[in-house]
Amino acid sequence: MTGAAFSMADCAAAPALFYAVAYVPPSPQHGHLAAYIERLMAHPSVALTIDQARPYFKFFPGRSGLSRRYFDPDTV
């Protein structure tokens, strides 16, 4: 959001975008948004949070829309 550095804006965007893509994945015409989400989810602090939350995704209301990689880290 604010350039190459990871910022508070990225921290604020991560949860909202995580939930958003579980319900409505970005369409092909939103390639920049999809790429941003991928970079955001790959950031070490966000990836760690996702890893620590993995046991609880089975309770997530939007779990049917979550990518398999959130349940199994070896899935790409």
C-alpha atoms as a PDB file:
ATOM      1  CA  MET A   1       0.000   0.000   0.000  1.00  0.00           C
ATOM      2  CA  THR A   2       2.737   2.452   0.918  1.00  0.00           C
ATOM      3  CA  GLY A   3       5.564   1.152  -1.213  1.00  0.00           C
ATOM      4  CA  ALA A   4       8.104  -1.599  -0.690  1.00  0.00           C
ATOM      5  CA  ALA A   5       8.295  -1.269   3.107  1.00  0.00           C
ATOM      6  CA  PHE A   6       5.901  -3.253   5.290  1.00  0.00           C
ATOM      7  CA  SER A   7       3.858  -0.682   7.199  1.00  0.00           C
ATOM      8  CA  MET A   8       0.918  -0.234   9.535  1.00  0.00           C
ATOM      9  CA  ALA A   9      -1.263   0.093   6.440  1.00  0.00           C
ATOM     10  CA  ASP A  10      -0.281  -3.457   5.475  1.00  0.00           C
ATOM     11  CA  CYS A  11      -0.993  -4.666   9.014  1.00  0.00           C
ATOM     12  CA  ALA A  12      -4.440  -3.104   8.829  1.00  0.00           C
ATOM     13  CA  ALA A  13      -5.142  -4.473   5.350  1.00  0.00           C
ATOM     14  CA  ALA A  14      -4.119  -8.076   6.050  1.00  0.00           C
ATOM     15  CA  PRO A  15      -7.135  -9.227   8.121  1.00  0.00           C
ATOM     16  CA  ALA A  16      -9.688  -7.515   5.904  1.00  0.00           C
ATOM     17  CA  LEU A  17      -8.153  -8.874   2.714  1.00  0.00           C
ATOM     18  CA  PHE A  18      -7.827 -12.351   4.209  1.00  0.00           C
ATOM     19  CA  TYR A  19     -11.551 -12.419   4.984  1.00  0.00           C
ATOM     20  CA  ALA A  20     -12.486 -10.753   1.696  1.00  0.00           C
ATOM     21  CA  VAL A  21     -10.728 -13.310  -0.512  1.00  0.00           C
ATOM     22  CA  ALA A  22     -12.312 -16.146   1.477  1.00  0.00           C
ATOM     23  CA  TYR A  23     -15.716 -14.951   0.308  1.00  0.00           C
ATOM     24  CA  VAL A  24     -14.935 -13.239  -3.004  1.00  0.00           C
ATOM     25  CA  PRO A  25     -11.612 -14.097  -4.663  1.00  0.00           C
ATOM     26  CA  PRO A  26     -10.159 -11.253  -6.755  1.00  0.00           C
ATOM     27  CA  SER A  27     -11.161 -11.429 -10.388  1.00  0.00           C
ATOM     28  CA  PRO A  28      -8.531 -11.667 -13.147  1.00  0.00           C
ATOM     29  CA  GLN A  29      -8.885  -7.959 -13.963  1.00  0.00           C
ATOM     30  CA  HIS A  30      -7.690  -7.176 -10.434  1.00  0.00           C
ATOM     31  CA  GLY A  31      -4.242  -8.663 -10.924  1.00  0.00           C
ATOM     32  CA  HIS A  32      -2.462  -5.964  -8.939  1.00  0.00           C
ATOM     33  CA  LEU A  33      -4.741  -6.570  -5.961  1.00  0.00           C
ATOM     34  CA  ALA A  34      -4.207 -10.342  -6.178  1.00  0.00           C
ATOM     35  CA  ALA A  35      -0.432  -9.845  -6.337  1.00  0.00           C
ATOM     36  CA  TYR A  36      -0.546  -7.507  -3.336  1.00  0.00           C
ATOM     37  CA  ILE A  37      -2.540 -10.052  -1.341  1.00  0.00           C
ATOM     38  CA  GLU A  38      -0.008 -12.764  -2.216  1.00  0.00           C
ATOM     39  CA  ARG A  39       2.900 -10.566  -1.120  1.00  0.00           C
ATOM     40  CA  LEU A  40       1.064  -9.621   2.043  1.00  0.00           C
ATOM     41  CA  MET A  41       0.242 -13.231   2.964  1.00  0.00           C
ATOM     42  CA  ALA A  42       3.866 -14.225   2.290  1.00  0.00           C
ATOM     43  CA  HIS A  43       5.305 -11.555   4.607  1.00  0.00           C
ATOM     44  CA  PRO A  44       6.957 -13.333   7.579  1.00  0.00           C
ATOM     45  CA  SER A  45       4.767 -11.758  10.275  1.00  0.00           C
ATOM     46  CA  VAL A  46       1.529 -12.420   8.378  1.00  0.00           C
ATOM     47  CA  ALA A  47       2.642 -15.942   7.432  1.00  0.00           C
ATOM     48  CA  LEU A  48       3.426 -16.672  11.095  1.00  0.00           C
ATOM     49  CA  THR A  49      -0.004 -15.433  12.152  1.00  0.00           C
ATOM     50  CA  ILE A  50      -1.654 -17.632   9.528  1.00  0.00           C
ATOM     51  CA  ASP A  51       0.454 -20.588  10.629  1.00  0.00           C
ATOM     52  CA  GLN A  52      -0.543 -20.088  14.259  1.00  0.00           C
ATOM     53  CA  ALA A  53      -4.222 -19.749  13.286  1.00  0.00           C
ATOM     54  CA  ARG A  54      -4.217 -22.868  11.071  1.00  0.00           C
ATOM     55  CA  PRO A  55      -5.715 -25.200  13.746  1.00  0.00           C
ATOM     56  CA  TYR A  56      -8.709 -22.869  14.050  1.00  0.00           C
ATOM     57  CA  PHE A  57      -9.549 -22.470  10.350  1.00  0.00           C
ATOM     58  CA  LYS A  58     -11.891 -25.448  10.625  1.00  0.00           C
ATOM     59  CA  PHE A  59     -14.139 -23.145  12.690  1.00  0.00           C
ATOM     60  CA  PHE A  60     -13.919 -20.191  10.271  1.00  0.00           C
ATOM     61  CA  PRO A  61     -17.382 -19.417   8.811  1.00  0.00           C
ATOM     62  CA  GLY A  62     -15.922 -18.820   5.345  1.00  0.00           C
ATOM     63  CA  ARG A  63     -13.739 -21.936   5.375  1.00  0.00           C
ATOM     64  CA  SER A  64     -15.266 -23.285   2.170  1.00  0.00           C
ATOM     65  CA  GLY A  65     -13.848 -20.290   0.313  1.00  0.00           C
ATOM     66  CA  LEU A  66     -10.388 -20.462   1.853  1.00  0.00           C
ATOM     67  CA  SER A  67      -7.570 -21.657  -0.334  1.00  0.00           C
ATOM     68  CA  ARG A  68      -6.321 -25.132   0.597  1.00  0.00           C
ATOM     69  CA  ARG A  69      -2.943 -23.605   1.435  1.00  0.00           C
ATOM     70  CA  TYR A  70      -4.438 -22.113   4.592  1.00  0.00           C
ATOM     71  CA  PHE A  71      -5.291 -25.600   5.844  1.00  0.00           C
ATOM     72  CA  ASP A  72      -2.161 -27.331   4.539  1.00  0.00           C
ATOM     73  CA  PRO A  73       0.997 -25.219   4.255  1.00  0.00           C
ATOM     74  CA  ASP A  74       2.519 -27.643   1.734  1.00  0.00           C
ATOM     75  CA  THR A  75      -0.326 -26.963  -0.723  1.00  0.00           C
ATOM     76  CA  VAL A  76       0.442 -24.338  -3.302  1.00  0.00           C
END
